[in-house]
C-alpha cells in the first residue's frame, strides 16, 4: 500500500522546516548572536509558534539562551551593534573634555559670585547699612 502523497509532502515540509531551524540556531550560536525564539524564527524564515511545538529545538534554544545570559556574556547586543574600543575611547575623551569645561565654568561662576557678594558687602559698609553694627 502506497502512502498518501499529501502526507509525504507534509513530512518533507516538516523535515525541511526542522533543518532550517537547526541550521539557523547553529549559525546564530556560531556568530555569538543572541539565540532567542524570535531570532531563530526570523533567521530560518519560519514561525515562532512552530518552534515552540518542537521540544528538542525549543530546549536547545532555551539552553543556548541561558548560556549567553550567564556571567561573562556580552549581553543581548548583536556583535554588529556593539561599540568598538575606538568609539568608546572617543566618547570617553569627549565626556572628559566636557567635564573639564564644566569644572572650569563652575570655578569661574564661583569666583564671580564671591566677587559680587564681596562688592555687595563692601557697598553696605560704605553706605552705613552694615547690619552687624
N, C-alpha and C. Protein backbone atom coordinates (compact mmCIF):
# COMPACT_ATOMS: atom_id res chain seq x y z
N UNK A 1 0.83 -1.17 0.00
CA UNK A 1 0.00 0.00 0.00
C UNK A 1 0.89 1.25 0.00
N UNK A 2 0.62 2.14 -0.91
CA UNK A 2 1.44 3.33 -1.10
C UNK A 2 0.94 4.46 -0.19
N UNK A 3 1.90 5.18 0.49
CA UNK A 3 1.49 6.28 1.37
C UNK A 3 0.83 7.40 0.57
N UNK A 4 0.01 8.14 1.26
CA UNK A 4 -0.71 9.28 0.69
C UNK A 4 0.28 10.36 0.26
N UNK A 5 0.18 10.90 -0.98
CA UNK A 5 1.11 11.94 -1.45
C UNK A 5 1.07 13.21 -0.59
N UNK A 6 -0.11 13.54 -0.07
CA UNK A 6 -0.20 14.72 0.79
C UNK A 6 0.56 14.50 2.10
N UNK A 7 0.48 13.31 2.64
CA UNK A 7 1.21 13.00 3.87
C UNK A 7 2.71 13.04 3.62
N UNK A 8 3.13 12.51 2.46
CA UNK A 8 4.55 12.55 2.12
C UNK A 8 5.04 14.00 1.98
N UNK A 9 4.24 14.84 1.33
CA UNK A 9 4.62 16.24 1.15
C UNK A 9 4.69 16.95 2.49
N UNK A 10 3.75 16.67 3.38
CA UNK A 10 3.75 17.29 4.71
C UNK A 10 4.97 16.85 5.50
N UNK A 11 5.33 15.58 5.41
CA UNK A 11 6.51 15.08 6.12
C UNK A 11 7.78 15.73 5.59
N UNK A 12 7.88 15.88 4.26
CA UNK A 12 9.06 16.55 3.67
C UNK A 12 9.14 18.01 4.12
N UNK A 13 7.98 18.67 4.11
CA UNK A 13 7.95 20.08 4.53
C UNK A 13 8.34 20.20 6.00
N UNK A 14 7.89 19.27 6.83
CA UNK A 14 8.23 19.27 8.25
C UNK A 14 9.74 19.10 8.43
N UNK A 15 10.32 18.15 7.74
CA UNK A 15 11.77 17.91 7.85
C UNK A 15 12.58 19.09 7.32
N UNK A 16 12.12 19.70 6.25
CA UNK A 16 12.80 20.87 5.71
C UNK A 16 12.76 22.03 6.71
N UNK A 17 11.62 22.23 7.34
CA UNK A 17 11.47 23.29 8.34
C UNK A 17 12.38 23.02 9.53
N UNK A 18 12.44 21.78 9.96
CA UNK A 18 13.34 21.42 11.07
C UNK A 18 14.79 21.70 10.71
N UNK A 19 15.16 21.33 9.49
CA UNK A 19 16.54 21.55 9.05
C UNK A 19 16.86 23.05 9.02
N UNK A 20 15.92 23.86 8.54
CA UNK A 20 16.13 25.32 8.52
C UNK A 20 16.31 25.86 9.94
N UNK A 21 15.47 25.38 10.86
CA UNK A 21 15.53 25.87 12.24
C UNK A 21 16.85 25.49 12.89
N UNK A 22 17.27 24.26 12.71
CA UNK A 22 18.53 23.78 13.32
C UNK A 22 19.71 24.53 12.71
N UNK A 23 19.69 24.74 11.41
CA UNK A 23 20.77 25.48 10.74
C UNK A 23 20.84 26.92 11.27
N UNK A 24 19.69 27.58 11.38
CA UNK A 24 19.66 28.96 11.87
C UNK A 24 20.16 29.03 13.31
N UNK A 25 19.75 28.06 14.11
CA UNK A 25 20.17 28.01 15.51
C UNK A 25 21.70 27.89 15.61
N UNK A 26 22.26 27.01 14.83
CA UNK A 26 23.72 26.82 14.83
C UNK A 26 24.45 28.06 14.35
N UNK A 27 23.93 28.71 13.30
CA UNK A 27 24.59 29.90 12.77
C UNK A 27 24.55 31.06 13.77
N UNK A 28 23.42 31.24 14.44
CA UNK A 28 23.32 32.29 15.45
C UNK A 28 24.31 32.03 16.59
N UNK A 29 24.36 30.78 17.03
CA UNK A 29 25.28 30.43 18.11
C UNK A 29 26.73 30.64 17.69
N UNK A 30 27.07 30.20 16.48
CA UNK A 30 28.43 30.33 15.96
C UNK A 30 28.83 31.80 15.84
N UNK A 31 27.88 32.66 15.47
CA UNK A 31 28.16 34.09 15.29
C UNK A 31 28.20 34.83 16.63
N UNK A 32 27.81 34.16 17.70
CA UNK A 32 27.79 34.81 19.01
C UNK A 32 26.59 35.72 19.20
N UNK A 33 25.62 35.60 18.31
CA UNK A 33 24.41 36.41 18.40
C UNK A 33 23.48 35.80 19.44
N UNK A 34 22.59 36.62 20.01
CA UNK A 34 21.63 36.08 20.97
C UNK A 34 20.75 35.02 20.32
N UNK A 35 20.60 33.90 20.99
CA UNK A 35 19.76 32.82 20.47
C UNK A 35 18.41 32.91 21.19
N UNK A 36 17.42 33.42 20.48
CA UNK A 36 16.07 33.53 21.01
C UNK A 36 15.11 32.89 20.02
N UNK A 37 13.88 32.64 20.47
CA UNK A 37 12.89 32.06 19.56
C UNK A 37 12.66 32.99 18.38
N UNK A 38 12.56 34.29 18.65
CA UNK A 38 12.33 35.26 17.57
C UNK A 38 13.50 35.28 16.59
N UNK A 39 14.72 35.24 17.10
CA UNK A 39 15.90 35.29 16.23
C UNK A 39 15.99 34.05 15.35
N UNK A 40 15.75 32.88 15.95
CA UNK A 40 15.82 31.63 15.18
C UNK A 40 14.71 31.61 14.12
N UNK A 41 13.50 32.00 14.51
CA UNK A 41 12.38 32.01 13.57
C UNK A 41 12.66 32.96 12.41
N UNK A 42 13.18 34.13 12.73
CA UNK A 42 13.47 35.11 11.68
C UNK A 42 14.57 34.61 10.75
N UNK A 43 15.65 34.07 11.32
CA UNK A 43 16.77 33.59 10.51
C UNK A 43 16.37 32.41 9.63
N UNK A 44 15.47 31.57 10.13
CA UNK A 44 15.07 30.39 9.37
C UNK A 44 13.88 30.66 8.45
N UNK A 45 13.22 31.79 8.65
CA UNK A 45 12.04 32.08 7.83
C UNK A 45 10.85 31.21 8.20
N UNK A 46 10.73 30.94 9.50
CA UNK A 46 9.62 30.10 9.98
C UNK A 46 8.92 30.84 11.12
N UNK A 47 7.84 30.27 11.60
CA UNK A 47 7.09 30.94 12.67
C UNK A 47 7.63 30.54 14.04
N UNK A 48 7.53 31.49 14.97
CA UNK A 48 7.94 31.20 16.35
C UNK A 48 7.05 30.13 16.94
N UNK A 49 5.76 30.19 16.66
CA UNK A 49 4.83 29.22 17.25
C UNK A 49 5.21 27.79 16.86
N UNK A 50 5.70 27.60 15.64
CA UNK A 50 6.12 26.26 15.23
C UNK A 50 7.31 25.80 16.07
N UNK A 51 8.23 26.72 16.35
CA UNK A 51 9.40 26.36 17.16
C UNK A 51 8.99 25.84 18.53
N UNK A 52 7.97 26.47 19.13
CA UNK A 52 7.53 26.05 20.46
C UNK A 52 6.94 24.63 20.44
N UNK A 53 6.49 24.17 19.28
CA UNK A 53 5.91 22.82 19.20
C UNK A 53 6.96 21.74 19.05
N UNK A 54 8.22 22.13 18.88
CA UNK A 54 9.31 21.17 18.70
C UNK A 54 10.14 21.10 19.98
N UNK A 55 9.87 20.10 20.84
CA UNK A 55 10.51 20.06 22.16
C UNK A 55 12.04 20.08 22.11
N UNK A 56 12.64 19.32 21.20
CA UNK A 56 14.10 19.27 21.17
C UNK A 56 14.71 20.60 20.73
N UNK A 57 14.10 21.24 19.75
CA UNK A 57 14.63 22.52 19.27
C UNK A 57 14.40 23.62 20.32
N UNK A 58 13.21 23.64 20.90
CA UNK A 58 12.92 24.68 21.89
C UNK A 58 13.80 24.50 23.13
N UNK A 59 14.09 23.25 23.52
CA UNK A 59 15.01 23.02 24.65
C UNK A 59 16.42 23.54 24.32
N UNK A 60 16.85 23.31 23.10
CA UNK A 60 18.18 23.77 22.71
C UNK A 60 18.23 25.31 22.69
N UNK A 61 17.18 25.94 22.21
CA UNK A 61 17.12 27.41 22.20
C UNK A 61 17.20 27.92 23.64
N UNK A 62 16.46 27.31 24.54
CA UNK A 62 16.49 27.75 25.95
C UNK A 62 17.88 27.55 26.56
N UNK A 63 18.52 26.43 26.27
CA UNK A 63 19.88 26.18 26.80
C UNK A 63 20.87 27.23 26.29
N UNK A 64 20.82 27.51 24.99
CA UNK A 64 21.74 28.49 24.42
C UNK A 64 21.43 29.90 24.92
N UNK A 65 20.16 30.18 25.13
CA UNK A 65 19.77 31.50 25.65
C UNK A 65 20.31 31.66 27.08
N UNK A 66 20.22 30.60 27.89
CA UNK A 66 20.75 30.66 29.25
C UNK A 66 22.26 30.79 29.24
N UNK A 67 22.91 30.12 28.30
CA UNK A 67 24.37 30.20 28.20
C UNK A 67 24.82 31.63 27.91
N UNK A 68 24.11 32.34 27.04
CA UNK A 68 24.50 33.71 26.71
C UNK A 68 24.05 34.69 27.77
N UNK A 69 23.10 34.30 28.65
CA UNK A 69 22.66 35.18 29.73
C UNK A 69 23.58 35.08 30.94
N UNK A 70 24.44 34.07 30.98
CA UNK A 70 25.30 33.84 32.14
C UNK A 70 26.42 34.83 32.26
N UNK A 71 27.23 34.64 33.29
CA UNK A 71 28.35 35.55 33.54
C UNK A 71 29.35 35.50 32.39
N UNK A 72 29.92 36.64 32.10
CA UNK A 72 30.93 36.71 31.05
C UNK A 72 30.37 36.86 29.66
N UNK A 73 29.05 36.93 29.56
CA UNK A 73 28.48 37.11 28.22
C UNK A 73 28.51 38.58 27.85
N UNK A 74 28.42 38.84 26.58
CA UNK A 74 28.48 40.20 26.09
C UNK A 74 27.11 40.85 26.21
N UNK A 75 26.08 40.08 26.52
CA UNK A 75 24.74 40.64 26.62
C UNK A 75 23.95 40.35 25.38
N UNK A 76 22.84 41.02 25.27
CA UNK A 76 21.92 40.75 24.18
C UNK A 76 22.16 41.65 22.97
N UNK A 77 23.26 42.37 22.96
CA UNK A 77 23.54 43.27 21.84
C UNK A 77 24.27 42.48 20.76
N UNK A 78 23.72 42.44 19.55
CA UNK A 78 24.41 41.73 18.47
C UNK A 78 25.79 42.33 18.20
N UNK A 79 26.71 41.51 17.75
CA UNK A 79 28.09 41.94 17.55
C UNK A 79 28.19 43.16 16.64
N UNK A 80 27.37 43.23 15.61
CA UNK A 80 27.43 44.36 14.69
C UNK A 80 26.99 45.67 15.30
N UNK A 81 26.30 45.61 16.45
CA UNK A 81 25.81 46.83 17.08
C UNK A 81 26.63 47.23 18.31
N UNK A 82 27.58 46.40 18.70
CA UNK A 82 28.41 46.72 19.87
C UNK A 82 29.38 47.83 19.54
N UNK A 83 29.67 48.67 20.53
CA UNK A 83 30.62 49.76 20.34
C UNK A 83 32.04 49.19 20.23
N UNK A 84 32.83 49.81 19.38
CA UNK A 84 34.23 49.38 19.25
C UNK A 84 35.05 50.09 20.31
N UNK A 85 36.26 49.59 20.55
CA UNK A 85 37.14 50.23 21.52
C UNK A 85 37.45 51.66 21.10
N UNK A 86 37.63 51.87 19.80
CA UNK A 86 37.94 53.22 19.31
C UNK A 86 36.78 54.18 19.57
N UNK A 87 35.55 53.74 19.31
CA UNK A 87 34.42 54.64 19.53
C UNK A 87 34.20 54.90 21.02
N UNK A 88 34.44 53.89 21.85
CA UNK A 88 34.34 54.10 23.30
C UNK A 88 35.39 55.08 23.78
N UNK A 89 36.60 54.97 23.23
CA UNK A 89 37.67 55.88 23.60
C UNK A 89 37.32 57.32 23.20
N UNK A 90 36.77 57.47 22.00
CA UNK A 90 36.38 58.79 21.52
C UNK A 90 35.29 59.38 22.40
N UNK A 91 34.30 58.57 22.75
CA UNK A 91 33.21 59.06 23.60
C UNK A 91 33.71 59.41 24.99
N UNK A 92 34.62 58.60 25.53
CA UNK A 92 35.17 58.87 26.85
C UNK A 92 35.99 60.16 26.84
N UNK A 93 36.79 60.35 25.81
CA UNK A 93 37.60 61.57 25.68
C UNK A 93 36.69 62.80 25.59
N UNK A 94 35.63 62.70 24.81
CA UNK A 94 34.69 63.82 24.68
C UNK A 94 34.01 64.11 26.02
N UNK A 95 33.64 63.07 26.75
CA UNK A 95 32.99 63.26 28.05
C UNK A 95 33.96 63.89 29.05
N UNK A 96 35.21 63.46 29.05
CA UNK A 96 36.20 64.04 29.96
C UNK A 96 36.47 65.51 29.61
N UNK A 97 36.54 65.82 28.33
CA UNK A 97 36.73 67.21 27.90
C UNK A 97 35.57 68.07 28.35
N UNK A 98 34.35 67.58 28.14
CA UNK A 98 33.16 68.33 28.57
C UNK A 98 33.14 68.48 30.08
N UNK A 99 33.54 67.47 30.80
CA UNK A 99 33.59 67.53 32.26
C UNK A 99 34.56 68.61 32.71
N UNK A 100 35.71 68.70 32.05
CA UNK A 100 36.70 69.72 32.39
C UNK A 100 36.16 71.12 32.09
N UNK A 101 35.46 71.27 30.96
CA UNK A 101 34.86 72.56 30.61
C UNK A 101 33.85 73.00 31.67
N UNK A 102 33.03 72.06 32.11
CA UNK A 102 32.03 72.37 33.14
C UNK A 102 32.69 72.72 34.47
N UNK A 103 33.77 72.03 34.81
CA UNK A 103 34.51 72.33 36.03
C UNK A 103 35.08 73.75 35.97
N UNK A 104 35.68 74.10 34.83
CA UNK A 104 36.24 75.44 34.66
C UNK A 104 35.14 76.51 34.75
N UNK A 105 34.02 76.24 34.10
CA UNK A 105 32.91 77.19 34.12
C UNK A 105 32.37 77.36 35.54
N UNK A 106 32.28 76.26 36.27
CA UNK A 106 31.81 76.29 37.65
C UNK A 106 32.75 77.12 38.52
N UNK A 107 34.04 76.93 38.33
CA UNK A 107 35.04 77.70 39.09
C UNK A 107 34.91 79.19 38.79
N UNK A 108 34.77 79.54 37.51
CA UNK A 108 34.61 80.93 37.10
C UNK A 108 33.35 81.54 37.72
N UNK A 109 32.24 80.80 37.71
CA UNK A 109 30.99 81.31 38.28
C UNK A 109 31.11 81.50 39.79
N UNK A 110 31.81 80.60 40.47
CA UNK A 110 32.02 80.74 41.92
C UNK A 110 32.82 82.01 42.23
N UNK A 111 33.85 82.27 41.43
CA UNK A 111 34.66 83.48 41.62
C UNK A 111 33.82 84.74 41.38
N UNK A 112 33.01 84.72 40.31
CA UNK A 112 32.15 85.87 40.03
C UNK A 112 31.16 86.11 41.16
N UNK A 113 30.60 85.03 41.69
CA UNK A 113 29.65 85.15 42.79
C UNK A 113 30.34 85.69 44.04
N UNK A 114 31.51 85.17 44.35
CA UNK A 114 32.26 85.65 45.51
C UNK A 114 32.59 87.13 45.36
N UNK A 115 33.00 87.52 44.15
CA UNK A 115 33.33 88.92 43.89
C UNK A 115 32.08 89.79 44.06
N UNK A 116 30.95 89.37 43.52
CA UNK A 116 29.71 90.14 43.62
C UNK A 116 29.25 90.26 45.06
N UNK A 117 29.34 89.16 45.82
CA UNK A 117 28.95 89.21 47.23
C UNK A 117 29.88 90.12 48.02
N UNK A 118 31.17 90.05 47.69
CA UNK A 118 32.14 90.93 48.37
C UNK A 118 31.85 92.39 48.07
N UNK A 119 31.56 92.72 46.82
CA UNK A 119 31.24 94.09 46.45
C UNK A 119 29.96 94.55 47.14
N UNK A 120 28.98 93.66 47.20
CA UNK A 120 27.72 94.00 47.86
C UNK A 120 27.95 94.28 49.35
N UNK A 121 28.77 93.47 49.99
CA UNK A 121 29.09 93.64 51.41
C UNK A 121 29.83 94.96 51.64
N UNK A 122 30.82 95.22 50.78
CA UNK A 122 31.59 96.45 50.98
C UNK A 122 30.75 97.69 50.68
N UNK A 123 29.81 97.63 49.75
CA UNK A 123 28.95 98.79 49.47
C UNK A 123 28.01 99.05 50.64
N UNK A 124 27.56 98.01 51.34
CA UNK A 124 26.71 98.21 52.51
C UNK A 124 27.49 98.87 53.65
N UNK A 125 28.76 98.46 53.83
CA UNK A 125 29.56 99.06 54.90
C UNK A 125 29.91 100.50 54.57
N UNK A 126 30.12 100.83 53.32
CA UNK A 126 30.42 102.21 52.93
C UNK A 126 29.21 103.11 53.12
N UNK A 127 28.03 102.56 52.87
CA UNK A 127 26.83 103.39 52.96
C UNK A 127 26.25 103.40 54.36
N UNK A 128 26.86 102.66 55.27
CA UNK A 128 26.39 102.66 56.66
C UNK A 128 25.24 101.72 56.90
N UNK A 129 24.98 100.84 56.00
CA UNK A 129 23.89 99.87 56.16
C UNK A 129 24.40 98.53 56.62
N UNK A 130 25.44 98.54 57.39
CA UNK A 130 26.01 97.27 57.86
C UNK A 130 25.10 96.70 58.94
N UNK A 131 24.47 95.57 58.70
CA UNK A 131 23.54 95.01 59.70
C UNK A 131 24.27 94.48 60.95
N UNK A 132 25.59 94.30 60.86
CA UNK A 132 26.31 93.77 62.01
C UNK A 132 26.66 94.84 63.02
N UNK A 133 26.41 96.13 62.74
CA UNK A 133 26.74 97.21 63.68
C UNK A 133 25.74 97.37 64.75
